[in-house]
Each structure stands twice: as structure tokens, then as C-alpha cells.
Amino acid sequence: MLAIIGLLIGLVLGFLLDPSIPTWLQPYLPIMVVASLDALFGAFRAYLDGEFSDRTFIISFLWNVLLASMLVFIGDKLGVGSQMTMAVVVVLGIRIFSNAAALRRHVFEV
């Protein structure tokens, strides 16, 4: 429940304050969003399975964002930023769809 409240507060503040993103951070923002969605879908799946832990969610959320950003940063420094970004998006996308499939099975009991 804490995660949902935090998400709603963050969304409201984001829309009301309309923050500007620094130029150096803009290439990493889409990766951070995808990593965040992965953690969010994983948390929702754990909640429906009765295994949710707020500590695990916070650590997973921060770790996913940090690790995905580091991988893209390293890819930029090596000159393969777009390929590394694509790799991160594919891996996290697979995890998101895997969690979404589990959620669908749980909700519709199929």
C-alpha cells in the first residue's frame, strides 16, 4: 500500500511541478522509467502472491534504476550507448511481460 501511495504522490507532484530534466540526465530517463516499471510490476506480482515486502520493493526499485543507468553509462563511454540501451530495454521488457503474464494468470485464474 505504501508503494501505491508513493507512486500516486510522485505522479501528482510530477504533473503539478512540471520538473525540468537536466540535459546530461535525459538519455538515461527512459531507461530509469523502464527499470522502475519492472520493479513496480514485480512488486504487484509479489503482492498478489502474498510475498510483498516494502523493503524488497524499495531495494529492487533503486537497484534496477541504478544498475540500468550504470549499464547505459558504461555503454556510452565505450561508444555503444544505443546498443546497451536496447539490451537493457529488451531484458527489462522481458521481465515486465513475464510479470504481466503472471498477473494475468493470477487475476483471471487461467
Protein backbone atom coordinates (compact mmCIF):
# COMPACT_ATOMS: atom_id res chain seq x y z
CA MET A 1 0.00 0.00 0.00
CA LEU A 2 2.89 2.32 0.77
CA ALA A 3 4.25 1.83 -2.74
CA ILE A 4 0.95 2.79 -4.35
CA ILE A 5 0.64 5.90 -2.18
CA GLY A 6 4.21 6.89 -3.04
CA LEU A 7 3.55 6.34 -6.74
CA LEU A 8 0.40 8.48 -6.64
CA ILE A 9 2.15 11.28 -4.73
CA GLY A 10 5.03 11.19 -7.21
CA LEU A 11 2.68 11.36 -10.18
CA VAL A 12 0.71 14.28 -8.73
CA LEU A 13 3.89 16.19 -7.86
CA GLY A 14 5.33 15.50 -11.30
CA PHE A 15 2.28 16.88 -13.04
CA LEU A 16 1.91 19.89 -10.74
CA LEU A 17 5.55 20.95 -10.56
CA ASP A 18 6.50 20.06 -14.16
CA PRO A 19 10.17 19.49 -13.31
CA SER A 20 12.85 20.12 -15.90
CA ILE A 21 15.31 17.31 -16.52
CA PRO A 22 18.98 18.26 -16.82
CA THR A 23 20.41 17.68 -20.30
CA TRP A 24 23.03 15.20 -19.08
CA LEU A 25 20.31 13.05 -17.47
CA GLN A 26 17.87 12.96 -20.42
CA PRO A 27 19.41 9.92 -22.21
CA TYR A 28 19.02 7.87 -19.02
CA LEU A 29 15.43 8.83 -18.20
CA PRO A 30 13.71 6.26 -20.47
CA ILE A 31 15.90 3.51 -19.02
CA MET A 32 15.07 4.63 -15.50
CA VAL A 33 11.36 4.55 -16.30
CA VAL A 34 11.55 1.03 -17.76
CA ALA A 35 13.58 -0.17 -14.76
CA SER A 36 11.03 1.41 -12.43
CA LEU A 37 8.16 -0.28 -14.24
CA ASP A 38 9.94 -3.61 -13.88
CA ALA A 39 10.18 -3.13 -10.12
CA LEU A 40 6.56 -1.97 -9.93
CA PHE A 41 5.20 -4.96 -11.86
CA GLY A 42 7.35 -7.29 -9.76
CA ALA A 43 6.01 -5.73 -6.58
CA PHE A 44 2.42 -6.06 -7.74
CA ARG A 45 3.02 -9.70 -8.62
CA ALA A 46 4.58 -10.33 -5.20
CA TYR A 47 1.63 -8.60 -3.54
CA LEU A 48 -0.88 -10.85 -5.31
CA ASP A 49 1.23 -13.90 -4.41
CA GLY A 50 1.23 -12.80 -0.76
CA GLU A 51 5.02 -12.30 -0.72
CA PHE A 52 5.28 -8.49 -0.89
CA SER A 53 7.87 -6.75 1.25
CA ASP A 54 8.21 -2.98 1.17
CA ARG A 55 11.93 -3.22 1.89
CA THR A 56 12.43 -5.61 -1.00
CA PHE A 57 10.44 -3.31 -3.28
CA ILE A 58 12.45 -0.20 -2.37
CA ILE A 59 15.77 -2.02 -2.76
CA SER A 60 14.66 -3.61 -6.05
CA PHE A 61 13.40 -0.27 -7.35
CA LEU A 62 16.61 1.60 -6.53
CA TRP A 63 18.87 -1.24 -7.65
CA ASN A 64 17.09 -1.64 -11.01
CA VAL A 65 17.31 2.08 -11.74
CA LEU A 66 20.95 2.32 -10.64
CA LEU A 67 22.10 -0.81 -12.48
CA ALA A 68 20.27 0.01 -15.71
CA SER A 69 21.65 3.56 -15.66
CA MET A 70 25.18 2.32 -14.98
CA LEU A 71 24.99 -0.13 -17.89
CA VAL A 72 23.85 2.60 -20.27
CA PHE A 73 26.51 4.98 -18.91
CA ILE A 74 29.23 2.39 -19.46
CA GLY A 75 27.85 1.74 -22.95
CA ASP A 76 28.04 5.48 -23.70
CA LYS A 77 31.65 5.62 -22.54
CA LEU A 78 32.51 2.61 -24.72
CA GLY A 79 30.75 4.14 -27.71
CA VAL A 80 27.96 1.57 -27.81
CA GLY A 81 25.33 3.51 -25.87
CA SER A 82 22.42 2.80 -28.18
CA GLN A 83 23.17 -0.93 -28.28
CA MET A 84 23.49 -1.09 -24.50
CA THR A 85 20.25 0.88 -24.11
CA MET A 86 18.50 -1.59 -26.41
CA ALA A 87 19.89 -4.54 -24.47
CA VAL A 88 18.66 -3.11 -21.15
CA VAL A 89 15.22 -2.36 -22.60
CA VAL A 90 14.92 -5.88 -24.05
CA VAL A 91 15.92 -7.58 -20.79
CA LEU A 92 13.67 -5.42 -18.63
CA GLY A 93 10.88 -5.69 -21.19
CA ILE A 94 11.03 -9.47 -20.99
CA ARG A 95 10.80 -9.25 -17.20
CA ILE A 96 7.88 -6.81 -17.38
CA PHE A 97 5.93 -9.04 -19.77
CA SER A 98 6.73 -12.10 -17.68
CA ASN A 99 5.35 -10.39 -14.59
CA ALA A 100 2.34 -9.12 -16.56
CA ALA A 101 1.60 -12.67 -17.72
CA ALA A 102 1.80 -13.92 -14.13
CA LEU A 103 -0.52 -11.11 -13.05
CA ARG A 104 -2.98 -12.01 -15.79
CA ARG A 105 -2.93 -15.66 -14.74
CA HIS A 106 -3.44 -14.68 -11.12
CA VAL A 107 -6.26 -12.22 -11.78
CA PHE A 108 -8.15 -14.30 -14.34
CA GLU A 109 -7.14 -17.65 -12.81
CA VAL A 110 -6.20 -19.04 -16.22
